[in-house]
Protein backbone atom coordinates (compact mmCIF):
# COMPACT_ATOMS: atom_id res chain seq x y z
CA UNK A 1 15.23 -1.91 -5.16
CA UNK A 2 13.08 -1.31 -7.93
CA UNK A 3 9.18 -1.35 -7.26
CA UNK A 4 8.60 -4.30 -9.14
CA UNK A 5 11.26 -6.54 -7.16
CA UNK A 6 9.74 -5.18 -4.04
CA UNK A 7 6.48 -6.38 -5.16
CA UNK A 8 7.75 -10.02 -5.93
CA UNK A 9 9.27 -9.87 -2.33
CA UNK A 10 5.94 -9.08 -0.51
CA UNK A 11 4.40 -11.60 -2.65
CA UNK A 12 6.62 -14.17 -1.24
CA UNK A 13 6.70 -13.13 1.93
CA UNK A 14 2.93 -13.21 2.35
CA UNK A 15 3.54 -16.73 0.61
CA UNK A 16 5.51 -18.17 3.06
CA UNK A 17 3.72 -16.72 6.52
CA UNK A 18 0.42 -18.53 4.84
CA UNK A 19 2.30 -21.24 4.24
CA UNK A 20 1.26 -23.02 7.76
CA UNK A 21 -1.85 -21.52 8.48
CA UNK A 22 -2.39 -23.17 4.77
CA UNK A 23 -0.88 -26.74 6.61
CA UNK A 24 -3.06 -26.39 9.67
CA UNK A 25 -6.58 -25.40 8.42
CA UNK A 26 -5.98 -26.74 4.55
CA UNK A 27 -8.31 -30.18 5.41
CA UNK A 28 -11.06 -27.98 6.72
CA UNK A 29 -10.94 -25.45 3.62
CA UNK A 30 -11.05 -28.58 1.57
CA UNK A 31 -14.26 -29.59 3.26
CA UNK A 32 -15.71 -26.39 2.90
CA UNK A 33 -15.40 -26.57 -0.63
CA UNK A 34 -16.74 -29.74 -1.13
CA UNK A 35 -19.54 -29.19 1.00
CA UNK A 36 -20.38 -26.41 -1.58
CA UNK A 37 -19.30 -27.12 -4.58
CA UNK A 38 -20.14 -31.14 -4.60
CA UNK A 39 -16.53 -31.25 -6.09
CA UNK A 40 -12.53 -31.82 -4.59
CA UNK A 41 -10.88 -28.72 -3.99
CA UNK A 42 -8.76 -27.44 -7.12
CA UNK A 43 -6.20 -25.21 -6.56
CA UNK A 44 -5.13 -22.98 -9.28
CA UNK A 45 -1.55 -21.90 -9.05
CA UNK A 46 -1.44 -19.07 -11.39
CA UNK A 47 -4.45 -17.90 -9.82
CA UNK A 48 -3.03 -18.31 -6.52
CA UNK A 49 -0.33 -16.46 -7.33
CA UNK A 50 -2.14 -13.62 -8.75
CA UNK A 51 -3.63 -13.32 -5.15
CA UNK A 52 -0.44 -12.60 -3.28
CA UNK A 53 0.38 -10.32 -5.82
CA UNK A 54 -2.58 -7.99 -5.31
CA UNK A 55 -2.09 -8.36 -1.74
CA UNK A 56 1.53 -7.30 -2.00
CA UNK A 57 0.19 -4.17 -4.38
CA UNK A 58 -2.69 -3.26 -1.73
CA UNK A 59 0.09 -3.24 1.43
CA UNK A 60 2.90 -1.47 -0.92
CA UNK A 61 0.74 1.68 -2.03
CA UNK A 62 -1.69 1.75 0.41
CA UNK A 63 0.47 1.92 3.31
CA UNK A 64 4.27 0.88 3.37
CA UNK A 65 4.83 3.66 1.02
CA UNK A 66 4.01 6.27 3.44
CA UNK A 67 5.82 7.85 6.25
CA UNK A 68 4.39 5.99 9.33
CA UNK A 69 6.01 4.31 12.48
CA UNK A 70 6.52 0.52 12.32
CA UNK A 71 3.64 0.14 15.27
CA UNK A 72 1.15 2.55 12.95
CA UNK A 73 2.64 0.08 9.83
CA UNK A 74 1.22 -2.82 11.75
CA UNK A 75 -1.79 -1.55 12.45
CA UNK A 76 -2.85 -0.50 9.31
CA UNK A 77 -1.54 -3.82 7.73
CA UNK A 78 -3.44 -5.84 10.09
CA UNK A 79 -7.41 -3.36 9.48
CA UNK A 80 -6.48 -4.15 5.67
CA UNK A 81 -5.82 -7.81 6.26
CA UNK A 82 -9.24 -8.41 7.84
CA UNK A 83 -11.38 -5.90 5.78
CA UNK A 84 -9.75 -8.02 2.36
CA UNK A 85 -10.26 -11.73 4.01
CA UNK A 86 -13.41 -9.58 5.54
CA UNK A 87 -14.91 -9.33 2.15
CA UNK A 88 -14.01 -12.55 0.73
CA UNK A 89 -15.62 -14.74 3.43
CA UNK A 90 -18.96 -12.58 4.70
CA UNK A 91 -19.63 -12.60 0.75
CA UNK A 92 -19.08 -16.13 0.72
CA UNK A 93 -21.30 -16.21 4.09
CA UNK A 94 -23.50 -14.05 1.93
CA UNK A 95 -24.09 -16.32 -1.75
CA UNK A 96 -23.31 -20.15 -0.31
CA UNK A 97 -25.86 -21.35 1.81
CA UNK A 98 -22.96 -24.14 3.47
CA UNK A 99 -20.20 -21.71 3.90
CA UNK A 100 -18.78 -22.55 7.58
CA UNK A 101 -18.91 -18.97 9.78
CA UNK A 102 -15.80 -20.86 11.81
CA UNK A 103 -14.31 -20.60 8.57
CA UNK A 104 -15.55 -17.12 8.21
CA UNK A 105 -14.20 -15.96 11.06
CA UNK A 106 -10.88 -18.00 11.41
CA UNK A 107 -9.65 -16.73 7.95
CA UNK A 108 -10.92 -13.28 8.75
CA UNK A 109 -8.27 -12.98 11.59
CA UNK A 110 -5.79 -14.51 10.18
CA UNK A 111 -5.65 -12.48 7.02
CA UNK A 112 -5.24 -9.63 9.96
CA UNK A 113 -2.38 -11.91 11.40
CA UNK A 114 -0.85 -12.55 7.70
CA UNK A 115 -1.08 -8.88 6.56
CA UNK A 116 0.11 -7.30 10.04
CA UNK A 117 2.98 -9.80 9.61
CA UNK A 118 4.01 -9.07 6.06
CA UNK A 119 3.43 -5.36 6.80
CA UNK A 120 5.76 -5.57 9.47
CA UNK A 121 8.47 -7.83 8.05
CA UNK A 122 8.48 -5.19 4.33
CA UNK A 123 8.82 -2.56 6.50
CA UNK A 124 12.30 -3.58 8.27
CA UNK A 125 13.78 -5.51 5.60
CA UNK A 126 12.64 -3.99 2.03
CA UNK A 127 11.91 -0.01 2.59
């Protein structure tokens, strides 16, 4: 399978795995964003897809192309997710007065779970 197809499939994994989280916490996110920008949350689908592609590129190049066993792949994937989502969330905490700490913590943990899950599935079924 070509690298480009693999990256697209990994991005699709991220999107599918993220749907339940977004459905569960979407209202909370809307509230946090509205509190910060005094306007409703607006999702820009093209930018969202680009984020998933960037996550896929990182996961693929930093972890999935290495000769790692499944447990190590899942661990490194979780670390990548926590790091990536943590940088996003705690940068927001640093620059926005009304950014919610509980959202930052939950979302950072979710980043680890999401990326570990995507790493496991990609290693098991795509690599």
